[in-house]
Amino acid sequence: MADQIQHLHLPVRGLNLHVAQAGKDELGTVVFLHGFPEIWYSWRHQMLAAAAAGYRAIAPDCRGYGLSGQPPEEEEATWDDLVADVLAILDALAVPRAFLVGKDFGAMPAYDFALRHPERTRGVACLGIPFSPVPAAFDAMPEGFYVLRWREPGRAEADFGRHDVRRVVRTIYILFSGADIPIAKEGQEIMDLADLSTPLPPWFSDEDLDAYASLYKNSGFRFPLQMPYRAIHRRPNLMDARFEVPVLMVVGEKDYAFKFPGFEEAVRGGAMERFAPELEVAYLPEGSHFAQEQLPEQVNRLLLGFFQAHLDPVAAT
């Protein structure tokens, strides 16, 4: 894999953003946007598949993550920054239009970009997180719900600080790969919900964990806790949103996030269709929160089929 993926740093809006890329852009460009606790590396299977199919695959480390630069500590994390970063990356690489693929919180800037810049977007595909016109509301969730815990300033920092980075990433990957929402009991912290005797998911190797740990050792968790957890409530209201491009939603039916309030209704109940008239939904019965790593062949087949169906006429010939 190492010889097929190139790495570069782009000066983007005052920061140096790390971008991994592969492929020749024979059919177009695909931009992959990661979530947490992920990084560019979480798209490795999709990047190689897209490149082999004739696309240029681009996977940045979000600002403040991995090998990308850190925003100043006093600077508030905003969703607008993530959208502006994607636009700046496309401009820097002279990409006129691209497919966007988002996962976890990376789905939000993918949706936002498609809404704000339809002329630069060929289509948007997202894994696990449906489009919502209003900020997610978690007030009805138990106090030990991990999102509520991590949005408290200092709480996750103290919890994570009891362990090395590798242990933190390992624990979160184990928890997030399950079908149940991670919720701590009274007197517990989130890192207490798994220990070293809990095995890694079978599709996630020690070498994969080492790759993630090395990247998070570089960036730390300061900004990842700001974005997304302490910025979720600042999502804009988009009740008048209407996608002008095709949208693919890939749902792992064993993804714990599918149990979040309103998520299933948005997908199965048709709420998302009101905003995305060209919506396609694909279900993965065994898919977890990390379906792109757990079931790469299935996810690749869905994504490549979506890209092929929505190629520009010139590229399709």
Foldseek 3Di string as FASTA:
>chain_A
DVVFKDWDWDCAPNKTKIKIKGADALQAEEEEEEAPPDALVLCVLLRVLQRVVHYMYMYIGQALFFPIHHDDPVDADDLVVRLSRVVRVCVVVVGQAYEYEYAHLRLVSQVVNLQVCVRRYLEYEYEAFFDDLAFADCPPPDCQQQLNQLLPPPRVVVVPVVDALLLVRQLVQQQQQFLAGQGDDVVDHSSVPDDPVDDGPPLADPVNSVVSSVRCVVSPCSVVSSPPSNCRNVDHRRPVAAGPHAYEYEYELSGNSCPGPPNVCVPVVVVRCVRYVNYDYHYDPHAYSSNCRVPVVVVSVVVVVVCLVRGDPVSND
